[in-house]
């Protein structure tokens, strides 16, 4: 490649990095702000309900996901699945009680089946990642050798 192309590529890489860091700070700040807001509502109520605790766990998982992405430049798919499992569990425990009784069984079964499928997908991702590696690991290895 020519010097001009290398310089343009370098400027583009820098702009993408700046965008990623700025977006991560905005997302991270939004997560912290939302978690503090919810926590203050819990404190105002004088006690935490199960739905509040599960919501705080969702914020924790979101924050951990942003932290991991910030450090590794990889989006951990498992954390997205953990968030989905926690959200479905929260829905199962809290919101299903308000559903009409004739639809109740199907909703319970579908949410439970979804949690099982998501749990199995985490197992598959973990197993295949350990056994065969991850594509992003190859990219990191190439960057470290240059």
N, C-alpha and C. Protein backbone atom coordinates (compact mmCIF):
# COMPACT_ATOMS: atom_id res chain seq x y z
N UNK A 1 0.84 -1.19 0.00
CA UNK A 1 0.00 0.00 0.00
C UNK A 1 0.88 1.24 0.00
N UNK A 2 0.33 2.31 -0.50
CA UNK A 2 1.08 3.56 -0.58
C UNK A 2 1.02 4.29 0.75
N UNK A 3 1.86 5.31 0.86
CA UNK A 3 1.89 6.12 2.09
C UNK A 3 0.55 6.81 2.33
N UNK A 4 -0.06 7.29 1.25
CA UNK A 4 -1.35 7.97 1.37
C UNK A 4 -2.42 7.02 1.90
N UNK A 5 -2.45 5.83 1.34
CA UNK A 5 -3.43 4.83 1.78
C UNK A 5 -3.18 4.45 3.24
N UNK A 6 -1.92 4.29 3.63
CA UNK A 6 -1.60 3.97 5.02
C UNK A 6 -2.05 5.08 5.96
N UNK A 7 -1.82 6.33 5.54
CA UNK A 7 -2.21 7.47 6.37
C UNK A 7 -3.74 7.55 6.51
N UNK A 8 -4.46 7.34 5.42
CA UNK A 8 -5.92 7.36 5.45
C UNK A 8 -6.43 6.23 6.35
N UNK A 9 -5.81 5.05 6.21
CA UNK A 9 -6.20 3.91 7.05
C UNK A 9 -5.95 4.22 8.52
N UNK A 10 -4.82 4.85 8.83
CA UNK A 10 -4.49 5.20 10.20
C UNK A 10 -5.49 6.21 10.77
N UNK A 11 -5.85 7.22 9.97
CA UNK A 11 -6.83 8.21 10.41
C UNK A 11 -8.19 7.54 10.65
N UNK A 12 -8.58 6.66 9.74
CA UNK A 12 -9.85 5.93 9.90
C UNK A 12 -9.85 5.07 11.15
N UNK A 13 -8.75 4.36 11.40
CA UNK A 13 -8.65 3.53 12.61
C UNK A 13 -8.76 4.39 13.88
N UNK A 14 -8.10 5.54 13.87
CA UNK A 14 -8.15 6.44 15.02
C UNK A 14 -9.56 6.96 15.24
N UNK A 15 -10.24 7.32 14.16
CA UNK A 15 -11.62 7.82 14.29
C UNK A 15 -12.55 6.74 14.82
N UNK A 16 -12.38 5.51 14.37
CA UNK A 16 -13.20 4.40 14.87
C UNK A 16 -12.92 4.17 16.35
N UNK A 17 -11.64 4.21 16.75
CA UNK A 17 -11.29 4.04 18.17
C UNK A 17 -11.92 5.14 19.02
N UNK A 18 -11.83 6.39 18.55
CA UNK A 18 -12.43 7.50 19.29
C UNK A 18 -13.94 7.29 19.43
N UNK A 19 -14.60 6.90 18.35
CA UNK A 19 -16.04 6.64 18.41
C UNK A 19 -16.35 5.53 19.41
N UNK A 20 -15.58 4.43 19.36
CA UNK A 20 -15.83 3.32 20.29
C UNK A 20 -15.70 3.77 21.74
N UNK A 21 -14.62 4.49 22.06
CA UNK A 21 -14.42 4.92 23.44
C UNK A 21 -15.50 5.91 23.88
N UNK A 22 -15.84 6.84 23.01
CA UNK A 22 -16.89 7.80 23.34
C UNK A 22 -18.22 7.08 23.56
N UNK A 23 -18.56 6.16 22.67
CA UNK A 23 -19.81 5.41 22.81
C UNK A 23 -19.80 4.56 24.09
N UNK A 24 -18.67 3.95 24.40
CA UNK A 24 -18.59 3.14 25.62
C UNK A 24 -18.76 3.99 26.87
N UNK A 25 -18.17 5.18 26.89
CA UNK A 25 -18.35 6.07 28.04
C UNK A 25 -19.81 6.50 28.16
N UNK A 26 -20.46 6.80 27.04
CA UNK A 26 -21.86 7.21 27.07
C UNK A 26 -22.74 6.06 27.55
N UNK A 27 -22.52 4.87 27.00
CA UNK A 27 -23.32 3.71 27.41
C UNK A 27 -23.06 3.38 28.87
N UNK A 28 -21.79 3.37 29.27
CA UNK A 28 -21.45 3.08 30.66
C UNK A 28 -22.06 4.10 31.61
N UNK A 29 -21.99 5.38 31.24
CA UNK A 29 -22.58 6.41 32.07
C UNK A 29 -24.09 6.26 32.18
N UNK A 30 -24.72 5.89 31.08
CA UNK A 30 -26.16 5.69 31.08
C UNK A 30 -26.55 4.52 31.98
N UNK A 31 -25.76 3.45 31.94
CA UNK A 31 -26.03 2.29 32.81
C UNK A 31 -25.90 2.69 34.27
N UNK A 32 -24.82 3.40 34.61
CA UNK A 32 -24.61 3.82 36.00
C UNK A 32 -25.73 4.76 36.44
N UNK A 33 -26.08 5.71 35.59
CA UNK A 33 -27.14 6.66 35.90
C UNK A 33 -28.47 5.93 36.14
N UNK A 34 -28.80 4.99 35.27
CA UNK A 34 -30.05 4.24 35.41
C UNK A 34 -30.04 3.38 36.67
N UNK A 35 -28.91 2.75 36.96
CA UNK A 35 -28.81 1.92 38.16
C UNK A 35 -28.95 2.76 39.42
N UNK A 36 -28.32 3.93 39.44
CA UNK A 36 -28.44 4.82 40.60
C UNK A 36 -29.88 5.30 40.76
N UNK A 37 -30.51 5.65 39.65
CA UNK A 37 -31.91 6.09 39.68
C UNK A 37 -32.80 5.00 40.28
N UNK A 38 -32.64 3.78 39.82
CA UNK A 38 -33.44 2.66 40.36
C UNK A 38 -33.12 2.42 41.83
N UNK A 39 -31.84 2.50 42.17
CA UNK A 39 -31.44 2.28 43.56
C UNK A 39 -32.05 3.33 44.48
N UNK A 40 -32.09 4.57 44.03
CA UNK A 40 -32.70 5.62 44.85
C UNK A 40 -34.20 5.38 45.04
N UNK A 41 -34.87 4.86 44.01
CA UNK A 41 -36.28 4.50 44.16
C UNK A 41 -36.46 3.36 45.15
N UNK A 42 -35.55 2.41 45.14
CA UNK A 42 -35.60 1.31 46.12
C UNK A 42 -35.42 1.87 47.53
N UNK A 43 -34.47 2.79 47.69
CA UNK A 43 -34.24 3.38 49.01
C UNK A 43 -35.45 4.19 49.47
N UNK A 44 -36.09 4.90 48.54
CA UNK A 44 -37.31 5.65 48.88
C UNK A 44 -38.42 4.71 49.36
N UNK A 45 -38.52 3.56 48.73
CA UNK A 45 -39.55 2.59 49.12
C UNK A 45 -39.26 1.98 50.48
N UNK A 46 -38.02 2.01 50.90
CA UNK A 46 -37.65 1.47 52.20
C UNK A 46 -37.31 -0.02 52.19
N UNK A 47 -37.51 -0.65 51.05
CA UNK A 47 -37.17 -2.07 50.93
C UNK A 47 -37.03 -2.42 49.44
N UNK A 48 -36.32 -3.51 49.20
CA UNK A 48 -36.14 -3.97 47.82
C UNK A 48 -37.02 -5.18 47.57
N UNK A 49 -37.72 -5.14 46.46
CA UNK A 49 -38.50 -6.30 46.03
C UNK A 49 -37.63 -7.16 45.14
N UNK A 50 -38.06 -8.38 44.91
CA UNK A 50 -37.31 -9.29 44.05
C UNK A 50 -37.09 -8.71 42.66
N UNK A 51 -38.11 -8.06 42.12
CA UNK A 51 -37.98 -7.47 40.78
C UNK A 51 -36.91 -6.38 40.76
N UNK A 52 -36.76 -5.65 41.87
CA UNK A 52 -35.73 -4.61 41.95
C UNK A 52 -34.33 -5.22 41.97
N UNK A 53 -34.18 -6.28 42.72
CA UNK A 53 -32.88 -6.94 42.81
C UNK A 53 -32.49 -7.54 41.46
N UNK A 54 -33.44 -8.18 40.79
CA UNK A 54 -33.15 -8.73 39.47
C UNK A 54 -32.81 -7.64 38.46
N UNK A 55 -33.48 -6.50 38.57
CA UNK A 55 -33.16 -5.38 37.68
C UNK A 55 -31.74 -4.87 37.94
N UNK A 56 -31.34 -4.81 39.21
CA UNK A 56 -29.97 -4.40 39.53
C UNK A 56 -28.96 -5.39 38.97
N UNK A 57 -29.30 -6.67 38.96
CA UNK A 57 -28.41 -7.67 38.34
C UNK A 57 -28.28 -7.43 36.84
N UNK A 58 -29.36 -7.02 36.20
CA UNK A 58 -29.29 -6.71 34.77
C UNK A 58 -28.34 -5.54 34.54
N UNK A 59 -28.44 -4.51 35.39
CA UNK A 59 -27.52 -3.38 35.27
C UNK A 59 -26.08 -3.82 35.51
N UNK A 60 -25.88 -4.69 36.47
CA UNK A 60 -24.53 -5.20 36.74
C UNK A 60 -23.96 -5.94 35.53
N UNK A 61 -24.77 -6.78 34.92
CA UNK A 61 -24.32 -7.53 33.75
C UNK A 61 -24.04 -6.61 32.57
N UNK A 62 -24.88 -5.59 32.39
CA UNK A 62 -24.63 -4.61 31.33
C UNK A 62 -23.32 -3.87 31.57
N UNK A 63 -23.09 -3.47 32.81
CA UNK A 63 -21.84 -2.79 33.15
C UNK A 63 -20.63 -3.68 32.94
N UNK A 64 -20.74 -4.95 33.32
CA UNK A 64 -19.64 -5.88 33.10
C UNK A 64 -19.37 -6.07 31.62
N UNK A 65 -20.44 -6.13 30.83
CA UNK A 65 -20.28 -6.30 29.38
C UNK A 65 -19.55 -5.09 28.78
N UNK A 66 -19.92 -3.90 29.20
CA UNK A 66 -19.24 -2.70 28.70
C UNK A 66 -17.78 -2.71 29.14
N UNK A 67 -17.53 -3.09 30.39
CA UNK A 67 -16.15 -3.16 30.87
C UNK A 67 -15.30 -4.14 30.09
N UNK A 68 -15.86 -5.29 29.81
CA UNK A 68 -15.12 -6.30 29.03
C UNK A 68 -14.87 -5.79 27.62
N UNK A 69 -15.87 -5.18 27.02
CA UNK A 69 -15.69 -4.64 25.66
C UNK A 69 -14.65 -3.53 25.66
N UNK A 70 -14.65 -2.71 26.70
CA UNK A 70 -13.69 -1.62 26.82
C UNK A 70 -12.26 -2.16 26.88
N UNK A 71 -12.06 -3.24 27.63
CA UNK A 71 -10.72 -3.79 27.80
C UNK A 71 -10.25 -4.64 26.63
N UNK A 72 -11.16 -5.39 26.02
CA UNK A 72 -10.75 -6.39 25.03
C UNK A 72 -11.17 -6.06 23.60
N UNK A 73 -12.03 -5.07 23.42
CA UNK A 73 -12.61 -4.75 22.11
C UNK A 73 -13.39 -5.92 21.53
N UNK A 74 -13.90 -6.79 22.41
CA UNK A 74 -14.74 -7.91 22.00
C UNK A 74 -16.06 -7.80 22.75
N UNK A 75 -17.13 -8.08 22.03
CA UNK A 75 -18.44 -8.09 22.67
C UNK A 75 -18.74 -9.51 23.14
N UNK A 76 -18.76 -9.72 24.44
CA UNK A 76 -19.00 -11.07 24.95
C UNK A 76 -20.46 -11.48 24.78
N UNK A 77 -20.70 -12.34 23.82
CA UNK A 77 -22.06 -12.78 23.52
C UNK A 77 -22.69 -13.45 24.73
N UNK A 78 -21.88 -14.16 25.51
CA UNK A 78 -22.42 -14.82 26.69
C UNK A 78 -23.10 -13.83 27.63
N UNK A 79 -22.54 -12.62 27.77
CA UNK A 79 -23.16 -11.65 28.66
C UNK A 79 -24.52 -11.20 28.15
N UNK A 80 -24.66 -11.09 26.83
CA UNK A 80 -25.97 -10.76 26.28
C UNK A 80 -26.98 -11.86 26.61
N UNK A 81 -26.52 -13.09 26.55
CA UNK A 81 -27.40 -14.21 26.88
C UNK A 81 -27.72 -14.22 28.36
N UNK A 82 -26.73 -13.92 29.22
CA UNK A 82 -27.00 -13.83 30.66
C UNK A 82 -28.04 -12.75 30.95
N UNK A 83 -27.93 -11.62 30.26
CA UNK A 83 -28.89 -10.54 30.45
C UNK A 83 -30.29 -11.01 30.02
N UNK A 84 -30.35 -11.71 28.90
CA UNK A 84 -31.64 -12.22 28.43
C UNK A 84 -32.22 -13.22 29.43
N UNK A 85 -31.39 -14.10 29.97
CA UNK A 85 -31.86 -15.08 30.96
C UNK A 85 -32.37 -14.36 32.21
N UNK A 86 -31.63 -13.36 32.67
CA UNK A 86 -32.06 -12.62 33.86
C UNK A 86 -33.37 -11.87 33.59
N UNK A 87 -33.48 -11.27 32.41
CA UNK A 87 -34.72 -10.55 32.07
C UNK A 87 -35.90 -11.51 31.99
N UNK A 88 -35.70 -12.67 31.36
CA UNK A 88 -36.77 -13.66 31.29
C UNK A 88 -37.13 -14.19 32.68
N UNK A 89 -36.13 -14.40 33.52
CA UNK A 89 -36.39 -14.86 34.89
C UNK A 89 -37.19 -13.82 35.65
N UNK A 90 -36.81 -12.57 35.48
CA UNK A 90 -37.54 -11.47 36.13
C UNK A 90 -38.99 -11.45 35.64
N UNK A 91 -39.16 -11.61 34.34
CA UNK A 91 -40.51 -11.64 33.78
C UNK A 91 -41.30 -12.83 34.31
N UNK A 92 -40.64 -13.97 34.39
CA UNK A 92 -41.29 -15.19 34.87
C UNK A 92 -41.74 -15.04 36.32
N UNK A 93 -40.88 -14.48 37.14
CA UNK A 93 -41.18 -14.37 38.57
C UNK A 93 -42.16 -13.24 38.87
N UNK A 94 -42.06 -12.15 38.15
CA UNK A 94 -42.82 -10.94 38.51
C UNK A 94 -44.09 -10.77 37.67
N UNK A 95 -43.93 -10.77 36.36
CA UNK A 95 -45.03 -10.34 35.49
C UNK A 95 -46.03 -11.44 35.14
N UNK A 96 -45.63 -12.68 35.18
CA UNK A 96 -46.52 -13.76 34.76
C UNK A 96 -47.71 -13.88 35.70
N UNK A 97 -47.56 -13.48 36.93
CA UNK A 97 -48.66 -13.57 37.88
C UNK A 97 -49.85 -12.70 37.47
N UNK A 98 -49.59 -11.68 36.65
CA UNK A 98 -50.64 -10.75 36.26
C UNK A 98 -51.38 -11.20 34.99
N UNK A 99 -50.94 -12.31 34.40
CA UNK A 99 -51.52 -12.77 33.14
C UNK A 99 -52.78 -13.59 33.43
N UNK A 100 -53.72 -13.55 32.52
CA UNK A 100 -54.96 -14.33 32.67
C UNK A 100 -54.64 -15.81 32.80
N UNK A 101 -55.43 -16.51 33.55
CA UNK A 101 -55.13 -17.91 33.89
C UNK A 101 -55.17 -18.85 32.68
N UNK A 102 -56.00 -18.57 31.66
CA UNK A 102 -56.07 -19.48 30.53
C UNK A 102 -54.82 -19.41 29.66
N UNK A 103 -54.13 -18.31 29.67
CA UNK A 103 -52.91 -18.16 28.88
C UNK A 103 -51.66 -18.43 29.72
N UNK A 104 -51.85 -18.51 31.01
CA UNK A 104 -50.77 -18.62 31.99
C UNK A 104 -49.84 -19.80 31.74
N UNK A 105 -50.37 -20.98 31.51
CA UNK A 105 -49.55 -22.19 31.33
C UNK A 105 -48.66 -22.07 30.11
N UNK A 106 -49.19 -21.61 29.00
CA UNK A 106 -48.40 -21.49 27.77
C UNK A 106 -47.29 -20.45 27.92
N UNK A 107 -47.59 -19.39 28.61
CA UNK A 107 -46.58 -18.37 28.86
C UNK A 107 -45.47 -18.91 29.75
N UNK A 108 -45.84 -19.60 30.81
CA UNK A 108 -44.85 -20.22 31.69
C UNK A 108 -43.95 -21.19 30.94
N UNK A 109 -44.57 -22.04 30.13
CA UNK A 109 -43.80 -23.02 29.37
C UNK A 109 -42.88 -22.37 28.34
N UNK A 110 -43.37 -21.35 27.66
CA UNK A 110 -42.54 -20.71 26.64
C UNK A 110 -41.38 -19.95 27.25
N UNK A 111 -41.61 -19.27 28.36
CA UNK A 111 -40.51 -18.55 29.01
C UNK A 111 -39.51 -19.54 29.58
N UNK A 112 -39.99 -20.60 30.20
CA UNK A 112 -39.09 -21.62 30.76
C UNK A 112 -38.28 -22.29 29.65
N UNK A 113 -38.92 -22.61 28.54
CA UNK A 113 -38.21 -23.21 27.41
C UNK A 113 -37.17 -22.25 26.85
N UNK A 114 -37.49 -20.98 26.81
CA UNK A 114 -36.54 -19.98 26.32
C UNK A 114 -35.31 -19.90 27.23
N UNK A 115 -35.53 -19.97 28.52
CA UNK A 115 -34.41 -19.94 29.47
C UNK A 115 -33.54 -21.17 29.29
N UNK A 116 -34.15 -22.33 29.09
CA UNK A 116 -33.39 -23.56 28.87
C UNK A 116 -32.57 -23.46 27.58
N UNK A 117 -33.18 -22.98 26.51
CA UNK A 117 -32.48 -22.84 25.23
C UNK A 117 -31.31 -21.87 25.36
N UNK A 118 -31.54 -20.75 26.02
CA UNK A 118 -30.46 -19.78 26.22
C UNK A 118 -29.33 -20.37 27.08
N UNK A 119 -29.70 -21.12 28.10
CA UNK A 119 -28.69 -21.77 28.95
C UNK A 119 -27.87 -22.77 28.15
N UNK A 120 -28.53 -23.55 27.31
CA UNK A 120 -27.81 -24.50 26.45
C UNK A 120 -26.90 -23.77 25.47
N UNK A 121 -27.34 -22.62 24.98
CA UNK A 121 -26.49 -21.87 24.05
C UNK A 121 -25.24 -21.35 24.74
N UNK A 122 -25.34 -20.96 26.00
CA UNK A 122 -24.15 -20.54 26.75
C UNK A 122 -23.20 -21.72 26.90
N UNK A 123 -23.76 -22.89 27.18
CA UNK A 123 -22.91 -24.09 27.30
C UNK A 123 -22.20 -24.39 25.99
N UNK A 124 -22.92 -24.31 24.88
CA UNK A 124 -22.33 -24.58 23.57
C UNK A 124 -21.25 -23.55 23.24
N UNK A 125 -21.53 -22.27 23.48
CA UNK A 125 -20.54 -21.23 23.21
C UNK A 125 -19.28 -21.40 24.07
N UNK A 126 -19.47 -21.74 25.33
CA UNK A 126 -18.33 -21.95 26.21
C UNK A 126 -17.52 -23.16 25.78
N UNK A 127 -18.19 -24.25 25.48
CA UNK A 127 -17.51 -25.48 25.05
C UNK A 127 -16.74 -25.26 23.75
N UNK A 128 -17.41 -24.71 22.75
CA UNK A 128 -16.74 -24.53 21.46
C UNK A 128 -15.62 -23.51 21.55
N UNK A 129 -15.79 -22.49 22.38
CA UNK A 129 -14.73 -21.49 22.56
C UNK A 129 -13.49 -22.09 23.18
N UNK A 130 -13.68 -22.99 24.14
CA UNK A 130 -12.52 -23.64 24.78
C UNK A 130 -11.89 -24.69 23.88
N UNK A 131 -12.72 -25.43 23.16
CA UNK A 131 -12.20 -26.52 22.34
C UNK A 131 -11.58 -26.02 21.03
N UNK A 132 -12.24 -25.07 20.38
CA UNK A 132 -11.80 -24.65 19.05
C UNK A 132 -11.27 -23.22 19.00
N UNK A 133 -11.40 -22.49 20.08
CA UNK A 133 -10.99 -21.09 20.07
C UNK A 133 -12.10 -20.21 19.52
N UNK A 134 -11.85 -18.93 19.59
CA UNK A 134 -12.82 -17.96 19.09
C UNK A 134 -12.18 -17.19 17.94
N UNK A 135 -12.97 -16.80 16.94
CA UNK A 135 -12.40 -16.05 15.81
C UNK A 135 -11.69 -14.77 16.25
N UNK A 136 -12.23 -14.10 17.26
CA UNK A 136 -11.60 -12.86 17.71
C UNK A 136 -10.26 -13.10 18.38
N UNK A 137 -10.03 -14.33 18.91
CA UNK A 137 -8.73 -14.65 19.49
C UNK A 137 -7.66 -14.65 18.41
N UNK A 138 -8.00 -15.12 17.21
CA UNK A 138 -7.05 -15.11 16.10
C UNK A 138 -6.67 -13.68 15.72
N UNK A 139 -7.65 -12.78 15.73
CA UNK A 139 -7.39 -11.39 15.40
C UNK A 139 -6.47 -10.77 16.45
N UNK A 140 -6.73 -11.07 17.73
CA UNK A 140 -5.87 -10.54 18.79
C UNK A 140 -4.46 -11.08 18.69
N UNK A 141 -4.32 -12.37 18.37
CA UNK A 141 -3.00 -12.96 18.20
C UNK A 141 -2.25 -12.31 17.05
N UNK A 142 -2.92 -12.04 15.95
CA UNK A 142 -2.28 -11.39 14.80
C UNK A 142 -1.83 -9.99 15.16
N UNK A 143 -2.65 -9.27 15.93
CA UNK A 143 -2.28 -7.91 16.32
C UNK A 143 -1.10 -7.90 17.25
N UNK A 144 -0.99 -8.91 18.12
CA UNK A 144 0.11 -8.97 19.08
C UNK A 144 1.42 -9.39 18.45
N UNK A 145 1.38 -10.11 17.32
CA UNK A 145 2.61 -10.57 16.69
C UNK A 145 3.20 -9.52 15.77
N UNK A 146 2.41 -8.52 15.40
CA UNK A 146 2.95 -7.48 14.49
C UNK A 146 3.60 -6.37 15.22
